[in-house]
Amino acid sequence: MIKQPKNGKYHPPEPAPGPLSPEQATREAVAAVFRDLGLIVQALADRAKEGSHLHAKLLFDFAGISAASLPPEPEAERPSLARLFMEKLDQMAEETAAAEDERPVE
């Protein structure tokens, strides 16, 4: 037997929620993420600080930070490979000449 309220109006119980449609499930998931976004980001940051590169990568991706988006670091002018090779040859020639000068004359 269903109990009627004393004021005479009947209010049937709300039906149990059925399965959600994919759209409803997505909306609820997005709402839950945004509701707790600060806590989620803080938890990811804490794990990243502990050394988890996966959590760090996720945070950087979420923030839109990538190596390509960072300003280039100022670099000193790099010498060309040819210049380095020539300097090494000069150094070797000087060392060879110095070693020949140190040998006793026979």
PDB file of N, CA and C in Angstrom:
ATOM      1  N   MET A   1       0.829  -1.178   0.000  1.00  0.00           N
ATOM      2  CA  MET A   1       0.000   0.000   0.000  1.00  0.00           C
ATOM      3  C   MET A   1       0.881   1.251   0.000  1.00  0.00           C
ATOM      4  N   ILE A   2       0.539   2.228  -0.867  1.00  0.00           N
ATOM      5  CA  ILE A   2       1.293   3.473  -0.983  1.00  0.00           C
ATOM      6  C   ILE A   2       0.725   4.470   0.002  1.00  0.00           C
ATOM      7  N   LYS A   3       1.629   5.103   0.719  1.00  0.00           N
ATOM      8  CA  LYS A   3       1.205   6.105   1.692  1.00  0.00           C
ATOM      9  C   LYS A   3       0.884   7.414   1.012  1.00  0.00           C
ATOM     10  N   GLN A   4      -0.207   7.991   1.317  1.00  0.00           N
ATOM     11  CA  GLN A   4      -0.607   9.282   0.789  1.00  0.00           C
ATOM     12  C   GLN A   4      -0.227  10.350   1.819  1.00  0.00           C
ATOM     13  N   PRO A   5       0.287  11.511   1.370  1.00  0.00           N
ATOM     14  CA  PRO A   5       0.554  12.579   2.324  1.00  0.00           C
ATOM     15  C   PRO A   5      -0.752  13.090   2.918  1.00  0.00           C
ATOM     16  N   LYS A   6      -0.631  13.717   4.072  1.00  0.00           N
ATOM     17  CA  LYS A   6      -1.821  14.181   4.797  1.00  0.00           C
ATOM     18  C   LYS A   6      -2.566  15.284   4.062  1.00  0.00           C
ATOM     19  N   ASN A   7      -1.861  16.012   3.163  1.00  0.00           N
ATOM     20  CA  ASN A   7      -2.562  17.086   2.452  1.00  0.00           C
ATOM     21  C   ASN A   7      -3.371  16.544   1.279  1.00  0.00           C
ATOM     22  N   GLY A   8      -3.336  15.262   1.064  1.00  0.00           N
ATOM     23  CA  GLY A   8      -4.161  14.641   0.046  1.00  0.00           C
ATOM     24  C   GLY A   8      -3.527  14.597  -1.326  1.00  0.00           C
ATOM     25  N   LYS A   9      -2.360  15.197  -1.523  1.00  0.00           N
ATOM     26  CA  LYS A   9      -1.722  15.177  -2.832  1.00  0.00           C
ATOM     27  C   LYS A   9      -0.741  14.004  -2.894  1.00  0.00           C
ATOM     28  N   TYR A  10      -0.819  13.306  -3.964  1.00  0.00           N
ATOM     29  CA  TYR A  10       0.054  12.150  -4.143  1.00  0.00           C
ATOM     30  C   TYR A  10       1.268  12.552  -4.981  1.00  0.00           C
ATOM     31  N   HIS A  11       2.423  12.216  -4.503  1.00  0.00           N
ATOM     32  CA  HIS A  11       3.683  12.470  -5.217  1.00  0.00           C
ATOM     33  C   HIS A  11       4.371  11.136  -5.390  1.00  0.00           C
ATOM     34  N   PRO A  12       4.290  10.575  -6.566  1.00  0.00           N
ATOM     35  CA  PRO A  12       4.922   9.274  -6.756  1.00  0.00           C
ATOM     36  C   PRO A  12       6.431   9.390  -6.624  1.00  0.00           C
ATOM     37  N   PRO A  13       7.080   8.321  -6.203  1.00  0.00           N
ATOM     38  CA  PRO A  13       8.545   8.376  -6.089  1.00  0.00           C
ATOM     39  C   PRO A  13       9.163   8.568  -7.472  1.00  0.00           C
ATOM     40  N   GLU A  14      10.319   9.247  -7.480  1.00  0.00           N
ATOM     41  CA  GLU A  14      10.993   9.466  -8.760  1.00  0.00           C
ATOM     42  C   GLU A  14      11.532   8.134  -9.253  1.00  0.00           C
ATOM     43  N   PRO A  15      11.458   7.920 -10.532  1.00  0.00           N
ATOM     44  CA  PRO A  15      11.960   6.653 -11.050  1.00  0.00           C
ATOM     45  C   PRO A  15      13.471   6.559 -10.869  1.00  0.00           C
ATOM     46  N   ALA A  16      13.925   5.342 -10.700  1.00  0.00           N
ATOM     47  CA  ALA A  16      15.377   5.128 -10.575  1.00  0.00           C
ATOM     48  C   ALA A  16      16.023   5.535 -11.889  1.00  0.00           C
ATOM     49  N   PRO A  17      17.195   6.186 -11.795  1.00  0.00           N
ATOM     50  CA  PRO A  17      17.833   6.628 -13.035  1.00  0.00           C
ATOM     51  C   PRO A  17      18.238   5.426 -13.877  1.00  0.00           C
ATOM     52  N   GLY A  18      17.965   5.507 -15.152  1.00  0.00           N
ATOM     53  CA  GLY A  18      18.328   4.446 -16.077  1.00  0.00           C
ATOM     54  C   GLY A  18      19.726   4.698 -16.614  1.00  0.00           C
ATOM     55  N   PRO A  19      20.132   3.895 -17.552  1.00  0.00           N
ATOM     56  CA  PRO A  19      21.463   4.116 -18.132  1.00  0.00           C
ATOM     57  C   PRO A  19      21.504   5.467 -18.846  1.00  0.00           C
ATOM     58  N   LEU A  20      22.653   6.108 -18.759  1.00  0.00           N
ATOM     59  CA  LEU A  20      22.824   7.414 -19.390  1.00  0.00           C
ATOM     60  C   LEU A  20      23.127   7.239 -20.872  1.00  0.00           C
ATOM     61  N   SER A  21      22.679   8.213 -21.639  1.00  0.00           N
ATOM     62  CA  SER A  21      23.069   8.223 -23.045  1.00  0.00           C
ATOM     63  C   SER A  21      24.537   8.648 -23.107  1.00  0.00           C
ATOM     64  N   PRO A  22      25.214   8.354 -24.200  1.00  0.00           N
ATOM     65  CA  PRO A  22      26.617   8.786 -24.314  1.00  0.00           C
ATOM     66  C   PRO A  22      26.780  10.292 -24.134  1.00  0.00           C
ATOM     67  N   GLU A  23      25.847  11.063 -24.656  1.00  0.00           N
ATOM     68  CA  GLU A  23      25.941  12.525 -24.506  1.00  0.00           C
ATOM     69  C   GLU A  23      25.799  12.939 -23.051  1.00  0.00           C
ATOM     70  N   GLN A  24      24.835  12.317 -22.331  1.00  0.00           N
ATOM     71  CA  GLN A  24      24.645  12.642 -20.914  1.00  0.00           C
ATOM     72  C   GLN A  24      25.869  12.231 -20.107  1.00  0.00           C
ATOM     73  N   ALA A  25      26.406  11.068 -20.398  1.00  0.00           N
ATOM     74  CA  ALA A  25      27.590  10.598 -19.684  1.00  0.00           C
ATOM     75  C   ALA A  25      28.769  11.533 -19.905  1.00  0.00           C
ATOM     76  N   THR A  26      28.935  11.996 -21.136  1.00  0.00           N
ATOM     77  CA  THR A  26      30.026  12.925 -21.451  1.00  0.00           C
ATOM     78  C   THR A  26      29.839  14.239 -20.721  1.00  0.00           C
ATOM     79  N   ARG A  27      28.607  14.765 -20.728  1.00  0.00           N
ATOM     80  CA  ARG A  27      28.341  16.031 -20.021  1.00  0.00           C
ATOM     81  C   ARG A  27      28.646  15.898 -18.537  1.00  0.00           C
ATOM     82  N   GLU A  28      28.221  14.788 -17.928  1.00  0.00           N
ATOM     83  CA  GLU A  28      28.457  14.589 -16.497  1.00  0.00           C
ATOM     84  C   GLU A  28      29.943  14.424 -16.197  1.00  0.00           C
ATOM     85  N   ALA A  29      30.667  13.723 -17.068  1.00  0.00           N
ATOM     86  CA  ALA A  29      32.105  13.546 -16.862  1.00  0.00           C
ATOM     87  C   ALA A  29      32.838  14.877 -16.962  1.00  0.00           C
ATOM     88  N   VAL A  30      32.490  15.671 -17.967  1.00  0.00           N
ATOM     89  CA  VAL A  30      33.127  16.982 -18.141  1.00  0.00           C
ATOM     90  C   VAL A  30      32.808  17.877 -16.946  1.00  0.00           C
ATOM     91  N   ALA A  31      31.576  17.850 -16.489  1.00  0.00           N
ATOM     92  CA  ALA A  31      31.197  18.659 -15.324  1.00  0.00           C
ATOM     93  C   ALA A  31      31.977  18.226 -14.089  1.00  0.00           C
ATOM     94  N   ALA A  32      32.148  16.922 -13.902  1.00  0.00           N
ATOM     95  CA  ALA A  32      32.892  16.428 -12.740  1.00  0.00           C
ATOM     96  C   ALA A  32      34.358  16.856 -12.805  1.00  0.00           C
ATOM     97  N   VAL A  33      34.948  16.803 -14.008  1.00  0.00           N
ATOM     98  CA  VAL A  33      36.357  17.210 -14.158  1.00  0.00           C
ATOM     99  C   VAL A  33      36.504  18.695 -13.849  1.00  0.00           C
ATOM    100  N   PHE A  34      35.635  19.525 -14.423  1.00  0.00           N
ATOM    101  CA  PHE A  34      35.745  20.966 -14.179  1.00  0.00           C
ATOM    102  C   PHE A  34      35.429  21.332 -12.735  1.00  0.00           C
ATOM    103  N   ARG A  35      34.554  20.582 -12.106  1.00  0.00           N
ATOM    104  CA  ARG A  35      34.222  20.850 -10.705  1.00  0.00           C
ATOM    105  C   ARG A  35      35.454  20.654  -9.822  1.00  0.00           C
ATOM    106  N   ASP A  36      36.272  19.628 -10.137  1.00  0.00           N
ATOM    107  CA  ASP A  36      37.430  19.310  -9.311  1.00  0.00           C
ATOM    108  C   ASP A  36      38.753  19.607 -10.012  1.00  0.00           C
ATOM    109  N   LEU A  37      38.726  20.482 -11.003  1.00  0.00           N
ATOM    110  CA  LEU A  37      39.912  20.738 -11.815  1.00  0.00           C
ATOM    111  C   LEU A  37      41.115  21.172 -10.979  1.00  0.00           C
ATOM    112  N   GLY A  38      40.908  22.066 -10.042  1.00  0.00           N
ATOM    113  CA  GLY A  38      42.023  22.526  -9.211  1.00  0.00           C
ATOM    114  C   GLY A  38      42.675  21.390  -8.446  1.00  0.00           C
ATOM    115  N   LEU A  39      41.865  20.525  -7.878  1.00  0.00           N
ATOM    116  CA  LEU A  39      42.407  19.380  -7.127  1.00  0.00           C
ATOM    117  C   LEU A  39      43.126  18.404  -8.055  1.00  0.00           C
ATOM    118  N   ILE A  40      42.564  18.201  -9.239  1.00  0.00           N
ATOM    119  CA  ILE A  40      43.175  17.285 -10.200  1.00  0.00           C
ATOM    120  C   ILE A  40      44.539  17.808 -10.641  1.00  0.00           C
ATOM    121  N   VAL A  41      44.604  19.084 -10.996  1.00  0.00           N
ATOM    122  CA  VAL A  41      45.867  19.677 -11.443  1.00  0.00           C
ATOM    123  C   VAL A  41      46.894  19.636 -10.309  1.00  0.00           C
ATOM    124  N   GLN A  42      46.475  19.927  -9.095  1.00  0.00           N
ATOM    125  CA  GLN A  42      47.407  19.890  -7.962  1.00  0.00           C
ATOM    126  C   GLN A  42      47.943  18.482  -7.743  1.00  0.00           C
ATOM    127  N   ALA A  43      47.068  17.465  -7.840  1.00  0.00           N
ATOM    128  CA  ALA A  43      47.514  16.081  -7.681  1.00  0.00           C
ATOM    129  C   ALA A  43      48.509  15.703  -8.779  1.00  0.00           C
ATOM    130  N   LEU A  44      48.246  16.125 -10.020  1.00  0.00           N
ATOM    131  CA  LEU A  44      49.182  15.851 -11.113  1.00  0.00           C
ATOM    132  C   LEU A  44      50.512  16.552 -10.870  1.00  0.00           C
ATOM    133  N   ALA A  45      50.459  17.795 -10.402  1.00  0.00           N
ATOM    134  CA  ALA A  45      51.688  18.545 -10.128  1.00  0.00           C
ATOM    135  C   ALA A  45      52.487  17.884  -9.006  1.00  0.00           C
ATOM    136  N   ASP A  46      51.795  17.399  -7.992  1.00  0.00           N
ATOM    137  CA  ASP A  46      52.492  16.720  -6.890  1.00  0.00           C
ATOM    138  C   ASP A  46      53.225  15.482  -7.397  1.00  0.00           C
ATOM    139  N   ARG A  47      52.556  14.708  -8.242  1.00  0.00           N
ATOM    140  CA  ARG A  47      53.198  13.500  -8.786  1.00  0.00           C
ATOM    141  C   ARG A  47      54.356  13.877  -9.707  1.00  0.00           C
ATOM    142  N   ALA A  48      54.194  14.949 -10.479  1.00  0.00           N
ATOM    143  CA  ALA A  48      55.273  15.396 -11.358  1.00  0.00           C
ATOM    144  C   ALA A  48      56.486  15.824 -10.544  1.00  0.00           C
ATOM    145  N   LYS A  49      56.253  16.501  -9.422  1.00  0.00           N
ATOM    146  CA  LYS A  49      57.349  16.934  -8.554  1.00  0.00           C
ATOM    147  C   LYS A  49      58.077  15.745  -7.940  1.00  0.00           C
ATOM    148  N   GLU A  50      57.368  14.627  -7.796  1.00  0.00           N
ATOM    149  CA  GLU A  50      57.987  13.406  -7.262  1.00  0.00           C
ATOM    150  C   GLU A  50      58.835  12.708  -8.317  1.00  0.00           C
ATOM    151  N   GLY A  51      58.774  13.198  -9.549  1.00  0.00           N
ATOM    152  CA  GLY A  51      59.606  12.648 -10.608  1.00  0.00           C
ATOM    153  C   GLY A  51      58.858  11.880 -11.674  1.00  0.00           C
ATOM    154  N   SER A  52      57.540  11.904 -11.666  1.00  0.00           N
ATOM    155  CA  SER A  52      56.774  11.182 -12.676  1.00  0.00           C
ATOM    156  C   SER A  52      56.736  11.986 -13.974  1.00  0.00           C
ATOM    157  N   HIS A  53      57.498  11.521 -14.968  1.00  0.00           N
ATOM    158  CA  HIS A  53      57.535  12.252 -16.231  1.00  0.00           C
ATOM    159  C   HIS A  53      56.193  12.186 -16.959  1.00  0.00           C
ATOM    160  N   LEU A  54      55.429  11.124 -16.744  1.00  0.00           N
ATOM    161  CA  LEU A  54      54.123  11.035 -17.400  1.00  0.00           C
ATOM    162  C   LEU A  54      53.172  12.111 -16.886  1.00  0.00           C
ATOM    163  N   HIS A  55      53.190  12.334 -15.564  1.00  0.00           N
ATOM    164  CA  HIS A  55      52.326  13.375 -15.000  1.00  0.00           C
ATOM    165  C   HIS A  55      52.798  14.756 -15.448  1.00  0.00           C
ATOM    166  N   ALA A  56      54.120  14.945 -15.511  1.00  0.00           N
ATOM    167  CA  ALA A  56      54.657  16.228 -15.972  1.00  0.00           C
ATOM    168  C   ALA A  56      54.260  16.479 -17.425  1.00  0.00           C
ATOM    169  N   LYS A  57      54.388  15.449 -18.267  1.00  0.00           N
ATOM    170  CA  LYS A  57      54.022  15.601 -19.674  1.00  0.00           C
ATOM    171  C   LYS A  57      52.541  15.940 -19.818  1.00  0.00           C
ATOM    172  N   LEU A  58      51.705  15.268 -19.037  1.00  0.00           N
ATOM    173  CA  LEU A  58      50.271  15.549 -19.106  1.00  0.00           C
ATOM    174  C   LEU A  58      49.981  16.999 -18.731  1.00  0.00           C
ATOM    175  N   LEU A  59      50.653  17.494 -17.690  1.00  0.00           N
ATOM    176  CA  LEU A  59      50.446  18.890 -17.289  1.00  0.00           C
ATOM    177  C   LEU A  59      50.905  19.855 -18.378  1.00  0.00           C
ATOM    178  N   PHE A  60      52.083  19.587 -18.953  1.00  0.00           N
ATOM    179  CA  PHE A  60      52.578  20.461 -20.012  1.00  0.00           C
ATOM    180  C   PHE A  60      51.650  20.423 -21.215  1.00  0.00           C
ATOM    181  N   ASP A  61      51.178  19.240 -21.584  1.00  0.00           N
ATOM    182  CA  ASP A  61      50.242  19.137 -22.702  1.00  0.00           C
ATOM    183  C   ASP A  61      48.949  19.882 -22.394  1.00  0.00           C
ATOM    184  N   PHE A  62      48.446  19.722 -21.183  1.00  0.00           N
ATOM    185  CA  PHE A  62      47.207  20.389 -20.774  1.00  0.00           C
ATOM    186  C   PHE A  62      47.361  21.907 -20.856  1.00  0.00           C
ATOM    187  N   ALA A  63      48.537  22.390 -20.441  1.00  0.00           N
ATOM    188  CA  ALA A  63      48.782  23.834 -20.441  1.00  0.00           C
ATOM    189  C   ALA A  63      49.185  24.354 -21.819  1.00  0.00           C
ATOM    190  N   GLY A  64      49.394  23.445 -22.768  1.00  0.00           N
ATOM    191  CA  GLY A  64      49.785  23.876 -24.108  1.00  0.00           C
ATOM    192  C   GLY A  64      51.239  24.264 -24.203  1.00  0.00           C
ATOM    193  N   ILE A  65      52.046  23.719 -23.313  1.00  0.00           N
ATOM    194  CA  ILE A  65      53.475  24.034 -23.302  1.00  0.00           C
ATOM    195  C   ILE A  65      54.218  22.887 -23.974  1.00  0.00           C
ATOM    196  N   SER A  66      55.018  23.231 -24.975  1.00  0.00           N
ATOM    197  CA  SER A  66      55.857  22.235 -25.622  1.00  0.00           C
ATOM    198  C   SER A  66      57.196  22.880 -25.928  1.00  0.00           C
ATOM    199  N   ALA A  67      58.157  22.062 -26.270  1.00  0.00           N
ATOM    200  CA  ALA A  67      59.473  22.605 -26.594  1.00  0.00           C
ATOM    201  C   ALA A  67      59.384  23.586 -27.755  1.00  0.00           C
ATOM    202  N   ALA A  68      58.482  23.320 -28.686  1.00  0.00           N
ATOM    203  CA  ALA A  68      58.326  24.206 -29.842  1.00  0.00           C
ATOM    204  C   ALA A  68      57.723  25.556 -29.449  1.00  0.00           C
ATOM    205  N   SER A  69      56.947  25.587 -28.359  1.00  0.00           N
ATOM    206  CA  SER A  69      56.298  26.843 -27.979  1.00  0.00           C
ATOM    207  C   SER A  69      57.174  27.710 -27.080  1.00  0.00           C
ATOM    208  N   LEU A  70      58.268  27.153 -26.570  1.00  0.00           N
ATOM    209  CA  LEU A  70      59.157  27.929 -25.711  1.00  0.00           C
ATOM    210  C   LEU A  70      60.070  28.804 -26.568  1.00  0.00           C
ATOM    211  N   PRO A  71      60.429  29.984 -26.061  1.00  0.00           N
ATOM    212  CA  PRO A  71      61.337  30.824 -26.843  1.00  0.00           C
ATOM    213  C   PRO A  71      62.708  30.157 -26.914  1.00  0.00           C
ATOM    214  N   PRO A  72      63.397  30.320 -28.019  1.00  0.00           N
ATOM    215  CA  PRO A  72      64.712  29.688 -28.128  1.00  0.00           C
ATOM    216  C   PRO A  72      65.686  30.287 -27.124  1.00  0.00           C
ATOM    217  N   GLU A  73      66.545  29.430 -26.620  1.00  0.00           N
ATOM    218  CA  GLU A  73      67.552  29.911 -25.671  1.00  0.00           C
ATOM    219  C   GLU A  73      68.649  30.609 -26.460  1.00  0.00           C
ATOM    220  N   PRO A  74      69.150  31.705 -25.918  1.00  0.00           N
ATOM    221  CA  PRO A  74      70.244  32.370 -26.632  1.00  0.00           C
ATOM    222  C   PRO A  74      71.477  31.472 -26.612  1.00  0.00           C
ATOM    223  N   GLU A  75      72.070  31.298 -27.767  1.00  0.00           N
ATOM    224  CA  GLU A  75      73.243  30.441 -27.867  1.00  0.00           C
ATOM    225  C   GLU A  75      74.413  31.274 -28.355  1.00  0.00           C
ATOM    226  N   ALA A  76      75.568  30.889 -27.854  1.00  0.00           N
ATOM    227  CA  ALA A  76      76.769  31.511 -28.381  1.00  0.00           C
ATOM    228  C   ALA A  76      76.934  31.000 -29.812  1.00  0.00           C
ATOM    229  N   GLU A  77      77.587  31.794 -30.628  1.00  0.00           N
ATOM    230  CA  GLU A  77      77.776  31.360 -32.007  1.00  0.00           C
ATOM    231  C   GLU A  77      78.579  30.077 -32.019  1.00  0.00           C
ATOM    232  N   ARG A  78      78.048  29.093 -32.696  1.00  0.00           N
ATOM    233  CA  ARG A  78      78.737  27.811 -32.777  1.00  0.00           C
ATOM    234  C   ARG A  78      79.687  27.827 -33.960  1.00  0.00           C
ATOM    235  N   PRO A  79      80.924  27.393 -33.720  1.00  0.00           N
ATOM    236  CA  PRO A  79      81.842  27.327 -34.855  1.00  0.00           C
ATOM    237  C   PRO A  79      81.441  26.184 -35.785  1.00  0.00           C
ATOM    238  N   SER A  80      81.795  26.316 -37.026  1.00  0.00           N
ATOM    239  CA  SER A  80      81.457  25.269 -37.985  1.00  0.00           C
ATOM    240  C   SER A  80      82.329  24.045 -37.729  1.00  0.00           C
ATOM    241  N   LEU A  81      81.890  22.925 -38.233  1.00  0.00           N
ATOM    242  CA  LEU A  81      82.649  21.689 -38.083  1.00  0.00           C
ATOM    243  C   LEU A  81      84.007  21.823 -38.769  1.00  0.00           C
ATOM    244  N   ALA A  82      84.044  22.501 -39.908  1.00  0.00           N
ATOM    245  CA  ALA A  82      85.310  22.699 -40.619  1.00  0.00           C
ATOM    246  C   ALA A  82      86.284  23.503 -39.764  1.00  0.00           C
ATOM    247  N   ARG A  83      85.766  24.546 -39.088  1.00  0.00           N
ATOM    248  CA  ARG A  83      86.643  25.365 -38.240  1.00  0.00           C
ATOM    249  C   ARG A  83      87.193  24.531 -37.079  1.00  0.00           C
ATOM    250  N   LEU A  84      86.335  23.730 -36.452  1.00  0.00           N
ATOM    251  CA  LEU A  84      86.798  22.873 -35.357  1.00  0.00           C
ATOM    252  C   LEU A  84      87.865  21.898 -35.842  1.00  0.00           C
ATOM    253  N   PHE A  85      87.658  21.331 -37.028  1.00  0.00           N
ATOM    254  CA  PHE A  85      88.616  20.395 -37.595  1.00  0.00           C
ATOM    255  C   PHE A  85      89.957  21.081 -37.854  1.00  0.00           C
ATOM    256  N   MET A  86      89.914  22.287 -38.421  1.00  0.00           N
ATOM    257  CA  MET A  86      91.154  23.030 -38.701  1.00  0.00           C
ATOM    258  C   MET A  86      91.887  23.395 -37.409  1.00  0.00           C
ATOM    259  N   GLU A  87      91.129  23.785 -36.377  1.00  0.00           N
ATOM    260  CA  GLU A  87      91.762  24.114 -35.092  1.00  0.00           C
ATOM    261  C   GLU A  87      92.427  22.886 -34.483  1.00  0.00           C
ATOM    262  N   LYS A  88      91.798  21.733 -34.602  1.00  0.00           N
ATOM    263  CA  LYS A  88      92.373  20.497 -34.081  1.00  0.00           C
ATOM    264  C   LYS A  88      93.639  20.133 -34.849  1.00  0.00           C
ATOM    265  N   LEU A  89      93.616  20.306 -36.183  1.00  0.00           N
ATOM    266  CA  LEU A  89      94.824  20.039 -36.980  1.00  0.00           C
ATOM    267  C   LEU A  89      95.960  20.971 -36.592  1.00  0.00           C
ATOM    268  N   ASP A  90      95.634  22.263 -36.364  1.00  0.00           N
ATOM    269  CA  ASP A  90      96.668  23.217 -35.939  1.00  0.00           C
ATOM    270  C   ASP A  90      97.256  22.811 -34.594  1.00  0.00           C
ATOM    271  N   GLN A  91      96.370  22.398 -33.673  1.00  0.00           N
ATOM    272  CA  GLN A  91      96.828  21.974 -32.343  1.00  0.00           C
ATOM    273  C   GLN A  91      97.751  20.757 -32.457  1.00  0.00           C
ATOM    274  N   MET A  92      97.351  19.795 -33.288  1.00  0.00           N
ATOM    275  CA  MET A  92      98.167  18.591 -33.464  1.00  0.00           C
ATOM    276  C   MET A  92      99.517  18.937 -34.103  1.00  0.00           C
ATOM    277  N   ALA A  93      99.524  19.862 -35.055  1.00  0.00           N
ATOM    278  CA  ALA A  93     100.770  20.272 -35.702  1.00  0.00           C
ATOM    279  C   ALA A  93     101.690  20.942 -34.691  1.00  0.00           C
ATOM    280  N   GLU A  94     101.131  21.801 -33.832  1.00  0.00           N
ATOM    281  CA  GLU A  94     101.943  22.466 -32.802  1.00  0.00           C
ATOM    282  C   GLU A  94     102.517  21.460 -31.816  1.00  0.00           C
ATOM    283  N   GLU A  95     101.697  20.479 -31.410  1.00  0.00           N
ATOM    284  CA  GLU A  95     102.176  19.461 -30.482  1.00  0.00           C
ATOM    285  C   GLU A  95     103.283  18.612 -31.112  1.00  0.00           C
ATOM    286  N   THR A  96     103.124  18.307 -32.389  1.00  0.00           N
ATOM    287  CA  THR A  96     104.144  17.520 -33.096  1.00  0.00           C
ATOM    288  C   THR A  96     105.436  18.323 -33.195  1.00  0.00           C
ATOM    289  N   ALA A  97     105.320  19.600 -33.529  1.00  0.00           N
ATOM    290  CA  ALA A  97     106.508  20.448 -33.637  1.00  0.00           C
ATOM    291  C   ALA A  97     107.176  20.589 -32.290  1.00  0.00           C
ATOM    292  N   ALA A  98     106.423  20.752 -31.221  1.00  0.00           N
ATOM    293  CA  ALA A  98     106.995  20.893 -29.889  1.00  0.00           C
ATOM    294  C   ALA A  98     107.695  19.607 -29.477  1.00  0.00           C
ATOM    295  N   ALA A  99     107.125  18.472 -29.814  1.00  0.00           N
ATOM    296  CA  ALA A  99     107.715  17.190 -29.462  1.00  0.00           C
ATOM    297  C   ALA A  99     109.014  16.982 -30.236  1.00  0.00           C
ATOM    298  N   GLU A 100     109.092  17.446 -31.510  1.00  0.00           N
ATOM    299  CA  GLU A 100     110.312  17.306 -32.300  1.00  0.00           C
ATOM    300  C   GLU A 100     111.409  18.200 -31.757  1.00  0.00           C
ATOM    301  N   ASP A 101     111.050  19.372 -31.221  1.00  0.00           N
ATOM    302  CA  ASP A 101     112.042  20.292 -30.659  1.00  0.00           C
ATOM    303  C   ASP A 101     112.624  19.735 -29.362  1.00  0.00           C
ATOM    304  N   GLU A 102     111.871  18.907 -28.640  1.00  0.00           N
ATOM    305  CA  GLU A 102     112.336  18.365 -27.362  1.00  0.00           C
ATOM    306  C   GLU A 102     113.224  17.153 -27.532  1.00  0.00           C
ATOM    307  N   ARG A 103     113.226  16.513 -28.706  1.00  0.00           N
ATOM    308  CA  ARG A 103     114.035  15.324 -28.910  1.00  0.00           C
ATOM    309  C   ARG A 103     115.510  15.707 -29.008  1.00  0.00           C
ATOM    310  N   PRO A 104     116.303  14.890 -28.397  1.00  0.00           N
ATOM    311  CA  PRO A 104     117.756  15.199 -28.499  1.00  0.00           C
ATOM    312  C   PRO A 104     118.231  14.990 -29.939  1.00  0.00           C
ATOM    313  N   VAL A 105     119.205  15.806 -30.325  1.00  0.00           N
ATOM    314  CA  VAL A 105     119.760  15.727 -31.656  1.00  0.00           C
ATOM    315  C   VAL A 105     120.770  14.594 -31.675  1.00  0.00           C
ATOM    316  N   GLU A 106     120.716  13.737 -32.683  1.00  0.00           N
ATOM    317  CA  GLU A 106     121.652  12.610 -32.757  1.00  0.00           C
ATOM    318  C   GLU A 106     122.778  12.892 -33.663  1.00  0.00           C
TER     319      GLU A 106
END
